[in-house]
Amino acid sequence: MSAQEINQAQEAQEKTAGRKPRRTYSEQEAAEIMQSLKTSGRKGLALPRINLAFAPDIYDFVKTMSRVRGETMTEFINFVLRQYMDDHGDIYERAIEFRNSL
């Protein structure tokens, strides 16, 4: 490694050392942000992510219905899951109580 490369590496390290820690969001803040986002990957947003595999017919349904509603596929899936959560909140609460009792 040349002296110039070492200096550049040290300068880059000094620049990143002064950065503030990344902010994390509460569930409510994350939900509000997700509703307002039209694109993913905005810098500084640390929303939980998962990679899902769908059966072809379900994928086509999500893709079509999200377009009908004028939403992204993520927004549509969040909408459907939120409805399911509202309908089955009592089961979820009991599951959380059981998990916390262990």
Protein backbone atom coordinates (compact mmCIF):
# COMPACT_ATOMS: atom_id res chain seq x y z
CA MET A 1 0.00 0.00 0.00
CA SER A 2 1.43 3.39 -0.95
CA ALA A 3 1.64 6.34 1.40
CA GLN A 4 -1.08 8.10 -0.59
CA GLU A 5 -3.46 5.13 -0.22
CA ILE A 6 -2.76 4.99 3.51
CA ASN A 7 -3.50 8.71 3.86
CA GLN A 8 -6.74 8.33 1.90
CA ALA A 9 -7.81 5.41 4.08
CA GLN A 10 -7.04 7.37 7.25
CA GLU A 11 -9.00 10.40 5.98
CA ALA A 12 -12.00 8.23 5.14
CA GLN A 13 -11.84 6.64 8.58
CA GLU A 14 -11.71 10.06 10.27
CA LYS A 15 -14.75 11.26 8.30
CA THR A 16 -16.88 8.26 9.31
CA ALA A 17 -15.70 8.33 12.95
CA GLY A 18 -17.52 11.63 13.57
CA ARG A 19 -20.90 10.41 12.31
CA LYS A 20 -23.87 10.21 14.60
CA PRO A 21 -25.29 6.74 15.29
CA ARG A 22 -28.15 5.69 13.02
CA ARG A 23 -31.59 6.41 14.45
CA THR A 24 -34.03 3.57 14.96
CA TYR A 25 -37.79 4.05 14.85
CA SER A 26 -40.66 2.88 17.03
CA GLU A 27 -43.31 0.66 15.45
CA GLN A 28 -45.72 3.58 15.17
CA GLU A 29 -43.10 5.85 13.57
CA ALA A 30 -42.11 3.08 11.15
CA ALA A 31 -45.76 2.54 10.17
CA GLU A 32 -46.26 6.26 9.55
CA ILE A 33 -43.09 6.42 7.48
CA MET A 34 -44.07 3.35 5.44
CA GLN A 35 -47.40 4.94 4.60
CA SER A 36 -45.69 8.07 3.33
CA LEU A 37 -42.87 6.38 1.39
CA LYS A 38 -43.21 5.94 -2.34
CA THR A 39 -39.73 4.44 -2.77
CA SER A 40 -37.64 2.10 -0.69
CA GLY A 41 -34.08 2.48 0.48
CA ARG A 42 -34.17 6.06 1.68
CA LYS A 43 -30.98 6.85 3.54
CA GLY A 44 -31.31 6.75 7.30
CA LEU A 45 -34.50 4.67 7.47
CA ALA A 46 -33.92 1.37 9.19
CA LEU A 47 -37.24 -0.38 8.62
CA PRO A 48 -37.34 -4.15 9.11
CA ARG A 49 -37.20 -6.10 5.86
CA ILE A 50 -37.78 -9.71 4.86
CA ASN A 51 -37.40 -11.58 1.61
CA LEU A 52 -40.55 -13.52 0.70
CA ALA A 53 -41.28 -16.12 -1.97
CA PHE A 54 -44.82 -16.23 -3.37
CA ALA A 55 -46.75 -18.82 -5.35
CA PRO A 56 -47.28 -17.49 -8.88
CA ASP A 57 -51.02 -16.90 -8.42
CA ILE A 58 -50.50 -14.98 -5.17
CA TYR A 59 -47.72 -12.91 -6.73
CA ASP A 60 -49.98 -12.04 -9.67
CA PHE A 61 -52.80 -11.11 -7.26
CA VAL A 62 -50.55 -8.82 -5.20
CA LYS A 63 -49.08 -7.21 -8.30
CA THR A 64 -52.48 -6.64 -9.93
CA MET A 65 -54.28 -5.42 -6.82
CA SER A 66 -51.47 -3.05 -5.87
CA ARG A 67 -51.72 -1.47 -9.31
CA VAL A 68 -55.53 -1.25 -9.05
CA ARG A 69 -55.15 0.57 -5.73
CA GLY A 70 -52.33 2.79 -7.04
CA GLU A 71 -49.87 1.48 -4.46
CA THR A 72 -46.59 -0.34 -4.40
CA MET A 73 -46.65 -4.06 -3.74
CA THR A 74 -45.19 -3.39 -0.28
CA GLU A 75 -47.94 -0.92 0.54
CA PHE A 76 -50.60 -3.38 -0.59
CA ILE A 77 -49.14 -6.26 1.44
CA ASN A 78 -48.90 -3.98 4.49
CA PHE A 79 -52.57 -3.00 3.94
CA VAL A 80 -53.69 -6.64 3.76
CA LEU A 81 -51.65 -7.63 6.79
CA ARG A 82 -52.94 -4.64 8.77
CA GLN A 83 -56.52 -5.78 8.03
CA TYR A 84 -55.65 -9.28 9.19
CA MET A 85 -54.06 -7.87 12.34
CA ASP A 86 -57.19 -5.87 13.08
CA ASP A 87 -59.40 -8.93 12.59
CA HIS A 88 -57.20 -11.26 14.67
CA GLY A 89 -55.74 -8.91 17.28
CA ASP A 90 -57.09 -10.98 20.17
CA ILE A 91 -55.18 -14.08 19.05
CA TYR A 92 -52.02 -12.01 18.63
CA GLU A 93 -52.37 -10.53 22.12
CA ARG A 94 -52.79 -14.00 23.66
CA ALA A 95 -49.77 -15.27 21.73
CA ILE A 96 -47.67 -12.35 23.01
CA GLU A 97 -48.84 -12.99 26.58
CA PHE A 98 -47.95 -16.67 26.24
CA ARG A 99 -44.52 -15.88 24.76
CA ASN A 100 -43.78 -13.43 27.58
CA SER A 101 -44.83 -15.96 30.23
CA LEU A 102 -42.12 -18.42 29.18
